[in-house]
Each structure stands twice: as structure tokens, then as C-alpha cells.
Amino acid sequence: MHPDDITARAIALYDRFTHDTHDRRAFMADLTKLAGGSAAAGALLATIAADPAAAAIVAPDDKRLKTSNVRWKMSETRLMHGYMALPANARGRQSSVMVIHENRGLNDHIRDIARRIALAGYVALAPDFLSGNGGTPGDPDAARTLIGQLDLTQAVADAVATTRWLRNNRFASGKVAALGFCWGGAMVNRLAIAAGDLLTAGVAFYGPAPDPAEALRVRAALLLHYAGLDDRVNRTARPWIDALKAAHVPVDAYDYPGVNHAFNNDTSADRYDKAAADLAWDRTLAFLKDRLS
């Protein structure tokens, strides 16, 4: 079997494990069979899974930014925790972008994304949707399990409450966008349905789409990025896009041929595609500038 075919099949196995079965023992058995041995399977996994030790694009101590861990109230008894970054030399109030994590929770890669957004001139807030579980654990498998157990209705309500908090933040102008990846991309779509006029814009990277009938409730402009090889997500995309257009929601949708789910995640060697990621990021920044200015 050609090495590229092995990698493609390994990615398909990994996506099924991380999004559907969550059965690591069965996944590793299948991967070992595909790779031809346990050592080869381990090496293959290292290239397709995200590497928590990968270097950040924007250093945590970048002097151009102010960063902090923050908390805000969901209710009188519940707090949400997150990571905030904003330009160090900002004058006045800035538009805000909520950065919504993948199904691995709030990790260093998502904090890095928040810093990239802040460097573009925004107040960036990355909430931890596992705050009620004590925060995102270091083990990504444990984080995925906890994400799968979240009450989705409550998680969406928390996203709406966070949008409202951002609109009223002392650093913020009142315009709020949401940017999400994978689980977070799906959450951007759901937030756009639930938040109404509270949300100005949303950007979803390879996020599974909701029921197209909900498009009538969307008030935010949307930018949707899809990976060409991501059949699981893409089968939900066209009905959602068509419904948004029929509802006269401003929506731009792009397909990136030949790339995998999570192509924007530069901590995953074999899934990251620099050309597609750079193009999608440039489109994202242009969209945010247009909608949040």
C-alpha cells in the first residue's frame, strides 16, 4: 500500500475514533493492523494527532499583547473560565472575537489562535466549555469524553451568555464575532441560531451543520470553511448553506479541495495544510474586518 494511502486511511480511522466511537483500544488495534505493527502505529499516530508540545505561532509572552486568565458569571452559581488576549497598545474599545475550541477543550493551540486574533486588533476570548467539569484536562482523550457528555443546550446557552458578557466588556466595542473549529465550528452555527442580534458575525472551520430549518433564526453574517476530504462534515454543509441563502443570511462558504478535517491545526503534521490554512485565515481576517469595523 502506498504511504499516502496508509496516511489517508489512518486519518479516517482517527476521525472515527475522535468524533464517533471514542474507543481507543479498538482504534489502536485497527491502526496497528494498518501500520503493520505497534511501533509503526505509534509513529503514524504521532503525525496525525495534534501535538500539545508544538511551538506556538505567537509566543505566550509576546510583548505586543496583554493576556490573562479570566472568569465571568453564567449565573449566580456558575462561572465560566477562559483566556483573553488583546493588543497591548489598543486605544479605546475594540471589537471582540470569541474563539471556540475543538473537542479537545481549551488547550495551548486555541490560546495561540486567540493571540493571533488579538494581533489582528481584536479582543479575543477563548472560553473553556469544560469549566463546569473543573476545566479542560491535560489528556485529550479525557477532554473528548467530557465534551461528548456536555449538555448541548446548556453549552449553547453558555455561549450566548458569553457573547452578552463580551458585548458589555470594558475593553469591547459591542460588536462580537465567534470563530470556531470542529466542535467549535458546530458551536458557531448553533450560537448564530440562538444569539440573534447579539452576535455580529461567525466563522466556522469544518463544523457540522445544524438543522437547516433553523437558518431562519440566524441574524449574524457567516463565513464557513470546509475541508474537501471531510465527508462526515461536508454531507451536512450544502443543505445548511442553501437554507441560509434562502433565509437571506449573508453567508460565504469555501471548500478547500484535497485537504483533511482540521487542516488549519498546525500542531497536527499530516492534517495541517499550510496553503489552505493561510488562504482560509486571510479570508477570515478580511471577513472580520468587513463585519466588525
C-alpha atoms as a PDB file:
ATOM      1  CA  MET A   1       0.000   0.000   0.000  1.00  0.00           C
ATOM      2  CA  HIS A   2       1.293   3.460  -0.897  1.00  0.00           C
ATOM      3  CA  PRO A   3       2.324   5.567   2.152  1.00  0.00           C
ATOM      4  CA  ASP A   4      -0.181   8.279   1.167  1.00  0.00           C
ATOM      5  CA  ASP A   5      -2.970   5.681   1.169  1.00  0.00           C
ATOM      6  CA  ILE A   6      -1.903   4.480   4.608  1.00  0.00           C
ATOM      7  CA  THR A   7      -1.958   8.045   5.936  1.00  0.00           C
ATOM      8  CA  ALA A   8      -5.380   8.712   4.440  1.00  0.00           C
ATOM      9  CA  ARG A   9      -6.813   5.533   5.964  1.00  0.00           C
ATOM     10  CA  ALA A  10      -5.172   6.335   9.301  1.00  0.00           C
ATOM     11  CA  ILE A  11      -6.758   9.805   9.305  1.00  0.00           C
ATOM     12  CA  ALA A  12     -10.150   8.238   8.563  1.00  0.00           C
ATOM     13  CA  LEU A  13      -9.689   5.841  11.493  1.00  0.00           C
ATOM     14  CA  TYR A  14      -8.619   8.696  13.751  1.00  0.00           C
ATOM     15  CA  ASP A  15     -11.599  10.855  12.795  1.00  0.00           C
ATOM     16  CA  ARG A  16     -13.957   7.964  13.506  1.00  0.00           C
ATOM     17  CA  PHE A  17     -12.299   7.454  16.894  1.00  0.00           C
ATOM     18  CA  THR A  18     -12.272  11.123  17.903  1.00  0.00           C
ATOM     19  CA  HIS A  19     -15.760  12.021  16.660  1.00  0.00           C
ATOM     20  CA  ASP A  20     -17.814   8.835  16.815  1.00  0.00           C
ATOM     21  CA  THR A  21     -16.620   5.797  18.792  1.00  0.00           C
ATOM     22  CA  HIS A  22     -14.150   7.226  21.387  1.00  0.00           C
ATOM     23  CA  ASP A  23     -12.915   3.615  21.730  1.00  0.00           C
ATOM     24  CA  ARG A  24      -9.124   3.946  21.896  1.00  0.00           C
ATOM     25  CA  ARG A  25      -8.482   0.206  22.231  1.00  0.00           C
ATOM     26  CA  ALA A  26     -10.379  -0.587  19.026  1.00  0.00           C
ATOM     27  CA  PHE A  27      -8.791   2.378  17.252  1.00  0.00           C
ATOM     28  CA  MET A  28      -5.259   1.305  18.164  1.00  0.00           C
ATOM     29  CA  ALA A  29      -5.985  -2.280  17.118  1.00  0.00           C
ATOM     30  CA  ASP A  30      -7.137  -1.063  13.700  1.00  0.00           C
ATOM     31  CA  LEU A  31      -4.214   1.350  13.391  1.00  0.00           C
ATOM     32  CA  THR A  32      -1.700  -1.356  14.350  1.00  0.00           C
ATOM     33  CA  LYS A  33      -3.127  -3.655  11.689  1.00  0.00           C
ATOM     34  CA  LEU A  34      -2.952  -0.875   9.097  1.00  0.00           C
ATOM     35  CA  ALA A  35       0.592   0.177  10.015  1.00  0.00           C
ATOM     36  CA  GLY A  36       1.957  -3.358  10.339  1.00  0.00           C
ATOM     37  CA  GLY A  37       2.957  -3.248  13.992  1.00  0.00           C
ATOM     38  CA  SER A  38       2.585  -1.370  17.247  1.00  0.00           C
ATOM     39  CA  ALA A  39       5.756   0.702  16.847  1.00  0.00           C
ATOM     40  CA  ALA A  40       4.759   1.790  13.352  1.00  0.00           C
ATOM     41  CA  ALA A  41       1.248   2.570  14.611  1.00  0.00           C
ATOM     42  CA  GLY A  42       2.654   4.804  17.325  1.00  0.00           C
ATOM     43  CA  ALA A  43       4.811   6.675  14.823  1.00  0.00           C
ATOM     44  CA  LEU A  44       1.856   7.078  12.458  1.00  0.00           C
ATOM     45  CA  LEU A  45      -0.396   8.346  15.243  1.00  0.00           C
ATOM     46  CA  ALA A  46       2.194  10.969  16.158  1.00  0.00           C
ATOM     47  CA  THR A  47       1.862  12.523  12.694  1.00  0.00           C
ATOM     48  CA  ILE A  48      -1.946  12.699  12.594  1.00  0.00           C
ATOM     49  CA  ALA A  49      -2.830  13.570  16.184  1.00  0.00           C
ATOM     50  CA  ALA A  50      -2.379  17.097  17.479  1.00  0.00           C
ATOM     51  CA  ASP A  51       0.879  17.620  19.362  1.00  0.00           C
ATOM     52  CA  PRO A  52       0.326  19.583  22.580  1.00  0.00           C
ATOM     53  CA  ALA A  53       4.049  20.388  22.707  1.00  0.00           C
ATOM     54  CA  ALA A  54       4.122  22.012  19.266  1.00  0.00           C
ATOM     55  CA  ALA A  55       5.549  25.507  19.196  1.00  0.00           C
ATOM     56  CA  ALA A  56       3.107  28.411  19.213  1.00  0.00           C
ATOM     57  CA  ILE A  57       2.883  30.747  16.233  1.00  0.00           C
ATOM     58  CA  VAL A  58       2.543  33.698  18.619  1.00  0.00           C
ATOM     59  CA  ALA A  59       4.519  33.298  21.832  1.00  0.00           C
ATOM     60  CA  PRO A  60       2.552  33.448  25.107  1.00  0.00           C
ATOM     61  CA  ASP A  61       4.782  36.298  26.294  1.00  0.00           C
ATOM     62  CA  ASP A  62       4.606  38.335  23.082  1.00  0.00           C
ATOM     63  CA  LYS A  63       5.077  41.962  24.174  1.00  0.00           C
ATOM     64  CA  ARG A  64       2.562  43.185  21.590  1.00  0.00           C
ATOM     65  CA  LEU A  65      -0.249  41.610  23.613  1.00  0.00           C
ATOM     66  CA  LYS A  66      -1.834  41.604  27.025  1.00  0.00           C
ATOM     67  CA  THR A  67      -3.069  38.163  28.068  1.00  0.00           C
ATOM     68  CA  SER A  68      -4.817  36.843  31.143  1.00  0.00           C
ATOM     69  CA  ASN A  69      -6.963  34.050  32.506  1.00  0.00           C
ATOM     70  CA  VAL A  70     -10.432  35.412  33.173  1.00  0.00           C
ATOM     71  CA  ARG A  71     -13.740  34.352  34.727  1.00  0.00           C
ATOM     72  CA  TRP A  72     -17.289  35.559  34.200  1.00  0.00           C
ATOM     73  CA  LYS A  73     -20.713  34.631  35.538  1.00  0.00           C
ATOM     74  CA  MET A  74     -23.123  32.336  33.728  1.00  0.00           C
ATOM     75  CA  SER A  75     -25.488  32.605  36.671  1.00  0.00           C
ATOM     76  CA  GLU A  76     -25.301  33.336  40.373  1.00  0.00           C
ATOM     77  CA  THR A  77     -23.847  29.883  40.976  1.00  0.00           C
ATOM     78  CA  ARG A  78     -21.926  29.110  37.770  1.00  0.00           C
ATOM     79  CA  LEU A  79     -18.716  30.609  36.399  1.00  0.00           C
ATOM     80  CA  MET A  80     -17.074  30.222  33.007  1.00  0.00           C
ATOM     81  CA  HIS A  81     -13.289  30.338  32.749  1.00  0.00           C
ATOM     82  CA  GLY A  82     -11.270  31.354  29.722  1.00  0.00           C
ATOM     83  CA  TYR A  83      -8.242  33.003  28.204  1.00  0.00           C
ATOM     84  CA  MET A  84      -8.238  36.607  26.993  1.00  0.00           C
ATOM     85  CA  ALA A  85      -5.787  38.364  24.695  1.00  0.00           C
ATOM     86  CA  LEU A  86      -5.871  41.936  23.439  1.00  0.00           C
ATOM     87  CA  PRO A  87      -3.476  44.350  21.743  1.00  0.00           C
ATOM     88  CA  ALA A  88      -1.096  45.923  24.253  1.00  0.00           C
ATOM     89  CA  ASN A  89      -1.248  49.322  22.543  1.00  0.00           C
ATOM     90  CA  ALA A  90      -5.012  49.389  21.973  1.00  0.00           C
ATOM     91  CA  ARG A  91      -6.696  52.761  22.371  1.00  0.00           C
ATOM     92  CA  GLY A  92     -10.386  52.836  23.172  1.00  0.00           C
ATOM     93  CA  ARG A  93     -12.662  49.847  22.765  1.00  0.00           C
ATOM     94  CA  GLN A  94     -12.085  47.064  20.243  1.00  0.00           C
ATOM     95  CA  SER A  95     -14.425  44.620  18.546  1.00  0.00           C
ATOM     96  CA  SER A  96     -14.430  41.152  20.121  1.00  0.00           C
ATOM     97  CA  VAL A  97     -13.940  37.624  18.822  1.00  0.00           C
ATOM     98  CA  MET A  98     -14.902  34.549  20.815  1.00  0.00           C
ATOM     99  CA  VAL A  99     -12.552  31.675  19.880  1.00  0.00           C
ATOM    100  CA  ILE A 100     -14.331  28.346  20.417  1.00  0.00           C
ATOM    101  CA  HIS A 101     -12.196  25.255  20.900  1.00  0.00           C
ATOM    102  CA  GLU A 102     -12.274  21.840  19.257  1.00  0.00           C
ATOM    103  CA  ASN A 103     -13.451  18.725  21.082  1.00  0.00           C
ATOM    104  CA  ARG A 104     -10.148  18.651  22.960  1.00  0.00           C
ATOM    105  CA  GLY A 105     -11.181  21.673  25.009  1.00  0.00           C
ATOM    106  CA  LEU A 106      -9.252  24.848  25.744  1.00  0.00           C
ATOM    107  CA  ASN A 107      -5.607  23.959  25.093  1.00  0.00           C
ATOM    108  CA  ASP A 108      -2.424  25.773  24.103  1.00  0.00           C
ATOM    109  CA  HIS A 109      -3.257  25.655  20.395  1.00  0.00           C
ATOM    110  CA  ILE A 110      -6.559  27.501  20.954  1.00  0.00           C
ATOM    111  CA  ARG A 111      -4.795  30.016  23.206  1.00  0.00           C
ATOM    112  CA  ASP A 112      -2.370  30.552  20.341  1.00  0.00           C
ATOM    113  CA  ILE A 113      -5.293  31.154  17.949  1.00  0.00           C
ATOM    114  CA  ALA A 114      -6.658  33.729  20.402  1.00  0.00           C
ATOM    115  CA  ARG A 115      -3.314  35.531  20.398  1.00  0.00           C
ATOM    116  CA  ARG A 116      -3.289  35.560  16.571  1.00  0.00           C
ATOM    117  CA  ILE A 117      -6.737  37.156  16.615  1.00  0.00           C
ATOM    118  CA  ALA A 118      -5.604  39.740  19.161  1.00  0.00           C
ATOM    119  CA  LEU A 119      -2.632  40.648  16.970  1.00  0.00           C
ATOM    120  CA  ALA A 120      -5.162  41.424  14.234  1.00  0.00           C
ATOM    121  CA  GLY A 121      -6.596  44.114  16.523  1.00  0.00           C
ATOM    122  CA  TYR A 122      -9.420  42.404  18.416  1.00  0.00           C
ATOM    123  CA  VAL A 123     -10.305  41.491  21.968  1.00  0.00           C
ATOM    124  CA  ALA A 124     -10.016  37.706  21.784  1.00  0.00           C
ATOM    125  CA  LEU A 125     -11.688  35.470  24.342  1.00  0.00           C
ATOM    126  CA  ALA A 126     -11.319  31.683  24.340  1.00  0.00           C
ATOM    127  CA  PRO A 127     -13.866  30.171  26.756  1.00  0.00           C
ATOM    128  CA  ASP A 128     -13.373  26.762  28.328  1.00  0.00           C
ATOM    129  CA  PHE A 129     -16.674  24.955  27.861  1.00  0.00           C
ATOM    130  CA  LEU A 130     -15.448  22.349  30.341  1.00  0.00           C
ATOM    131  CA  SER A 131     -15.312  24.963  33.115  1.00  0.00           C
ATOM    132  CA  GLY A 132     -18.110  23.178  34.950  1.00  0.00           C
ATOM    133  CA  ASN A 133     -16.051  19.978  34.913  1.00  0.00           C
ATOM    134  CA  GLY A 134     -13.072  21.596  36.580  1.00  0.00           C
ATOM    135  CA  GLY A 135     -11.588  22.813  33.307  1.00  0.00           C
ATOM    136  CA  THR A 136     -10.039  21.066  30.325  1.00  0.00           C
ATOM    137  CA  PRO A 137      -7.899  18.092  31.429  1.00  0.00           C
ATOM    138  CA  GLY A 138      -4.414  17.573  30.041  1.00  0.00           C
ATOM    139  CA  ASP A 139      -5.363  14.248  28.483  1.00  0.00           C
ATOM    140  CA  PRO A 140      -7.081  14.987  25.139  1.00  0.00           C
ATOM    141  CA  ASP A 141      -8.981  11.663  25.245  1.00  0.00           C
ATOM    142  CA  ALA A 142     -10.424  12.614  28.630  1.00  0.00           C
ATOM    143  CA  ALA A 143     -11.338  16.053  27.248  1.00  0.00           C
ATOM    144  CA  ARG A 144     -13.128  14.492  24.263  1.00  0.00           C
ATOM    145  CA  THR A 145     -15.082  12.241  26.591  1.00  0.00           C
ATOM    146  CA  LEU A 146     -16.175  15.197  28.708  1.00  0.00           C
ATOM    147  CA  ILE A 147     -17.098  17.254  25.639  1.00  0.00           C
ATOM    148  CA  GLY A 148     -19.259  14.352  24.458  1.00  0.00           C
ATOM    149  CA  GLN A 149     -21.060  14.348  27.804  1.00  0.00           C
ATOM    150  CA  LEU A 150     -21.882  18.069  27.814  1.00  0.00           C
ATOM    151  CA  ASP A 151     -25.488  19.150  27.848  1.00  0.00           C
ATOM    152  CA  LEU A 152     -25.500  20.792  24.423  1.00  0.00           C
ATOM    153  CA  THR A 153     -28.452  23.038  25.235  1.00  0.00           C
ATOM    154  CA  GLN A 154     -26.599  24.350  28.282  1.00  0.00           C
ATOM    155  CA  ALA A 155     -23.371  24.773  26.308  1.00  0.00           C
ATOM    156  CA  VAL A 156     -25.177  26.890  23.707  1.00  0.00           C
ATOM    157  CA  ALA A 157     -26.773  28.952  26.489  1.00  0.00           C
ATOM    158  CA  ASP A 158     -23.296  29.483  27.959  1.00  0.00           C
ATOM    159  CA  ALA A 159     -22.048  30.655  24.564  1.00  0.00           C
ATOM    160  CA  VAL A 160     -24.925  33.142  24.347  1.00  0.00           C
ATOM    161  CA  ALA A 161     -24.204  34.396  27.879  1.00  0.00           C
ATOM    162  CA  THR A 162     -20.527  34.766  26.986  1.00  0.00           C
ATOM    163  CA  THR A 163     -21.475  36.762  23.875  1.00  0.00           C
ATOM    164  CA  ARG A 164     -23.555  39.070  26.064  1.00  0.00           C
ATOM    165  CA  TRP A 165     -20.650  39.421  28.538  1.00  0.00           C
ATOM    166  CA  LEU A 166     -18.277  40.307  25.707  1.00  0.00           C
ATOM    167  CA  ARG A 167     -20.657  42.944  24.359  1.00  0.00           C
ATOM    168  CA  ASN A 168     -20.574  44.657  27.744  1.00  0.00           C
ATOM    169  CA  ASN A 169     -16.871  44.176  28.486  1.00  0.00           C
ATOM    170  CA  ARG A 170     -14.990  47.355  29.327  1.00  0.00           C
ATOM    171  CA  PHE A 171     -12.417  46.658  26.586  1.00  0.00           C
ATOM    172  CA  ALA A 172     -15.007  45.884  23.906  1.00  0.00           C
ATOM    173  CA  SER A 173     -16.950  47.961  21.387  1.00  0.00           C
ATOM    174  CA  GLY A 174     -20.134  45.878  21.462  1.00  0.00           C
ATOM    175  CA  LYS A 175     -19.587  44.075  18.150  1.00  0.00           C
ATOM    176  CA  VAL A 176     -18.912  40.359  18.701  1.00  0.00           C
ATOM    177  CA  ALA A 177     -17.905  37.599  16.311  1.00  0.00           C
ATOM    178  CA  ALA A 178     -17.407  33.907  17.025  1.00  0.00           C
ATOM    179  CA  LEU A 179     -14.657  31.776  15.478  1.00  0.00           C
ATOM    180  CA  GLY A 180     -14.698  28.012  15.989  1.00  0.00           C
ATOM    181  CA  PHE A 181     -13.008  24.825  14.857  1.00  0.00           C
ATOM    182  CA  CYS A 182     -14.549  21.336  14.561  1.00  0.00           C
ATOM    183  CA  TRP A 183     -16.763  21.088  17.691  1.00  0.00           C
ATOM    184  CA  GLY A 184     -16.297  24.827  17.968  1.00  0.00           C
ATOM    185  CA  GLY A 185     -17.295  25.292  14.336  1.00  0.00           C
ATOM    186  CA  ALA A 186     -20.537  23.472  15.022  1.00  0.00           C
ATOM    187  CA  MET A 187     -20.987  25.670  18.097  1.00  0.00           C
ATOM    188  CA  VAL A 188     -20.589  28.824  15.982  1.00  0.00           C
ATOM    189  CA  ASN A 189     -23.538  27.718  13.847  1.00  0.00           C
ATOM    190  CA  ARG A 190     -25.628  26.901  16.917  1.00  0.00           C
ATOM    191  CA  LEU A 191     -24.681  30.178  18.582  1.00  0.00           C
ATOM    192  CA  ALA A 192     -25.724  32.087  15.464  1.00  0.00           C
ATOM    193  CA  ILE A 193     -29.153  30.466  15.759  1.00  0.00           C
ATOM    194  CA  ALA A 194     -29.529  31.119  19.492  1.00  0.00           C
ATOM    195  CA  ALA A 195     -27.901  34.532  19.907  1.00  0.00           C
ATOM    196  CA  GLY A 196     -29.968  36.508  17.427  1.00  0.00           C
ATOM    197  CA  ASP A 197     -28.806  40.116  17.184  1.00  0.00           C
ATOM    198  CA  LEU A 198     -26.246  39.655  19.983  1.00  0.00           C
ATOM    199  CA  LEU A 199     -23.815  38.064  17.509  1.00  0.00           C
ATOM    200  CA  THR A 200     -22.493  40.183  14.648  1.00  0.00           C
ATOM    201  CA  ALA A 201     -20.602  37.516  12.693  1.00  0.00           C
ATOM    202  CA  GLY A 202     -19.472  33.908  12.828  1.00  0.00           C
ATOM    203  CA  VAL A 203     -16.641  31.910  11.251  1.00  0.00           C
ATOM    204  CA  ALA A 204     -16.856  28.108  11.324  1.00  0.00           C
ATOM    205  CA  PHE A 205     -13.978  25.862  10.306  1.00  0.00           C
ATOM    206  CA  TYR A 206     -15.241  22.373   9.332  1.00  0.00           C
ATOM    207  CA  GLY A 207     -18.159  22.490  11.762  1.00  0.00           C
ATOM    208  CA  PRO A 208     -21.042  20.028  11.324  1.00  0.00           C
ATOM    209  CA  ALA A 209     -24.160  21.973  10.434  1.00  0.00           C
ATOM    210  CA  PRO A 210     -27.433  22.107  12.414  1.00  0.00           C
ATOM    211  CA  ASP A 211     -30.957  21.517  11.137  1.00  0.00           C
ATOM    212  CA  PRO A 212     -31.376  23.704   8.025  1.00  0.00           C
ATOM    213  CA  ALA A 213     -34.822  24.734   9.280  1.00  0.00           C
ATOM    214  CA  GLU A 214     -33.045  26.785  11.979  1.00  0.00           C
ATOM    215  CA  ALA A 215     -31.457  29.089   9.384  1.00  0.00           C
ATOM    216  CA  LEU A 216     -34.418  31.460   9.652  1.00  0.00           C
ATOM    217  CA  ARG A 217     -33.286  32.404  13.165  1.00  0.00           C
ATOM    218  CA  VAL A 218     -29.752  33.457  12.150  1.00  0.00           C
ATOM    219  CA  ARG A 219     -29.014  37.190  12.197  1.00  0.00           C
ATOM    220  CA  ALA A 220     -25.208  37.115  12.034  1.00  0.00           C
ATOM    221  CA  ALA A 221     -23.196  37.067   8.806  1.00  0.00           C
ATOM    222  CA  LEU A 222     -21.393  33.728   8.419  1.00  0.00           C
ATOM    223  CA  LEU A 223     -18.159  32.530   6.846  1.00  0.00           C
ATOM    224  CA  LEU A 224     -17.911  28.736   6.508  1.00  0.00           C
ATOM    225  CA  HIS A 225     -14.728  26.787   5.709  1.00  0.00           C
ATOM    226  CA  TYR A 226     -14.887  23.124   4.653  1.00  0.00           C
ATOM    227  CA  ALA A 227     -12.151  20.541   4.040  1.00  0.00           C
ATOM    228  CA  GLY A 228     -12.538  18.743   0.723  1.00  0.00           C
ATOM    229  CA  LEU A 229     -11.836  15.270   2.159  1.00  0.00           C
ATOM    230  CA  ASP A 230     -14.089  15.721   5.202  1.00  0.00           C
ATOM    231  CA  ASP A 231     -17.111  13.684   4.083  1.00  0.00           C
ATOM    232  CA  ARG A 232     -18.536  13.442   7.625  1.00  0.00           C
ATOM    233  CA  VAL A 233     -18.959  17.206   7.922  1.00  0.00           C
ATOM    234  CA  ASN A 234     -19.482  18.030   4.267  1.00  0.00           C
ATOM    235  CA  ARG A 235     -22.625  15.948   3.927  1.00  0.00           C
ATOM    236  CA  THR A 236     -24.289  18.450   6.285  1.00  0.00           C
ATOM    237  CA  ALA A 237     -22.867  21.542   4.602  1.00  0.00           C
ATOM    238  CA  ARG A 238     -24.864  22.082   1.407  1.00  0.00           C
ATOM    239  CA  PRO A 239     -28.362  21.905   2.974  1.00  0.00           C
ATOM    240  CA  TRP A 240     -27.225  24.405   5.636  1.00  0.00           C
ATOM    241  CA  ILE A 241     -25.682  26.802   3.108  1.00  0.00           C
ATOM    242  CA  ASP A 242     -28.744  26.625   0.855  1.00  0.00           C
ATOM    243  CA  ALA A 243     -31.060  27.268   3.804  1.00  0.00           C
ATOM    244  CA  LEU A 244     -29.012  30.280   4.923  1.00  0.00           C
ATOM    245  CA  LYS A 245     -29.142  31.765   1.442  1.00  0.00           C
ATOM    246  CA  ALA A 246     -32.882  31.138   1.196  1.00  0.00           C
ATOM    247  CA  ALA A 247     -33.267  32.963   4.525  1.00  0.00           C
ATOM    248  CA  HIS A 248     -31.230  35.896   3.125  1.00  0.00           C
ATOM    249  CA  VAL A 249     -28.454  35.406   5.676  1.00  0.00           C
ATOM    250  CA  PRO A 250     -25.146  36.861   4.431  1.00  0.00           C
ATOM    251  CA  VAL A 251     -23.005  33.727   4.003  1.00  0.00           C
ATOM    252  CA  ASP A 252     -19.748  32.910   2.264  1.00  0.00           C
ATOM    253  CA  ALA A 253     -18.749  29.236   2.065  1.00  0.00           C
ATOM    254  CA  TYR A 254     -15.449  27.858   0.775  1.00  0.00           C
ATOM    255  CA  ASP A 255     -14.342  24.322   0.045  1.00  0.00           C
ATOM    256  CA  TYR A 256     -10.615  23.513   0.172  1.00  0.00           C
ATOM    257  CA  PRO A 257     -10.005  20.555  -2.177  1.00  0.00           C
ATOM    258  CA  GLY A 258      -7.701  17.726  -1.196  1.00  0.00           C
ATOM    259  CA  VAL A 259      -7.317  18.660   2.478  1.00  0.00           C
ATOM    260  CA  ASN A 260      -8.413  16.907   5.634  1.00  0.00           C
ATOM    261  CA  HIS A 261     -10.590  17.846   8.570  1.00  0.00           C
ATOM    262  CA  ALA A 262      -8.507  20.036  10.928  1.00  0.00           C
ATOM    263  CA  PHE A 263      -6.380  21.356   8.051  1.00  0.00           C
ATOM    264  CA  ASN A 264      -5.935  24.619   9.980  1.00  0.00           C
ATOM    265  CA  ASN A 265      -4.421  22.924  13.044  1.00  0.00           C
ATOM    266  CA  ASP A 266      -0.673  23.410  12.664  1.00  0.00           C
ATOM    267  CA  THR A 267       0.046  21.094  15.609  1.00  0.00           C
ATOM    268  CA  SER A 268      -1.006  18.043  13.525  1.00  0.00           C
ATOM    269  CA  ALA A 269       1.734  17.317  10.979  1.00  0.00           C
ATOM    270  CA  ASP A 270      -0.169  15.192   8.446  1.00  0.00           C
ATOM    271  CA  ARG A 271      -3.509  17.004   8.691  1.00  0.00           C
ATOM    272  CA  TYR A 272      -2.241  20.572   8.550  1.00  0.00           C
ATOM    273  CA  ASP A 273      -2.180  22.109   5.079  1.00  0.00           C
ATOM    274  CA  LYS A 274      -0.316  25.404   5.092  1.00  0.00           C
ATOM    275  CA  ALA A 275      -1.619  26.677   1.750  1.00  0.00           C
ATOM    276  CA  ALA A 276      -5.257  26.023   2.641  1.00  0.00           C
ATOM    277  CA  ALA A 277      -4.793  27.270   6.211  1.00  0.00           C
ATOM    278  CA  ASP A 278      -3.159  30.516   5.061  1.00  0.00           C
ATOM    279  CA  LEU A 279      -5.898  31.143   2.495  1.00  0.00           C
ATOM    280  CA  ALA A 280      -8.670  30.407   4.993  1.00  0.00           C
ATOM    281  CA  TRP A 281      -7.003  32.637   7.609  1.00  0.00           C
ATOM    282  CA  ASP A 282      -6.638  35.520   5.160  1.00  0.00           C
ATOM    283  CA  ARG A 283     -10.314  35.154   4.242  1.00  0.00           C
ATOM    284  CA  THR A 284     -11.219  35.040   7.923  1.00  0.00           C
ATOM    285  CA  LEU A 285      -9.345  38.238   8.773  1.00  0.00           C
ATOM    286  CA  ALA A 286     -10.839  40.050   5.768  1.00  0.00           C
ATOM    287  CA  PHE A 287     -14.334  38.897   6.774  1.00  0.00           C
ATOM    288  CA  LEU A 288     -13.862  40.006  10.378  1.00  0.00           C
ATOM    289  CA  LYS A 289     -12.545  43.382   9.275  1.00  0.00           C
ATOM    290  CA  ASP A 290     -15.530  43.858   6.993  1.00  0.00           C
ATOM    291  CA  ARG A 291     -18.136  42.798   9.553  1.00  0.00           C
ATOM    292  CA  LEU A 292     -16.661  44.212  12.749  1.00  0.00           C
ATOM    293  CA  SER A 293     -15.375  47.601  11.554  1.00  0.00           C
END
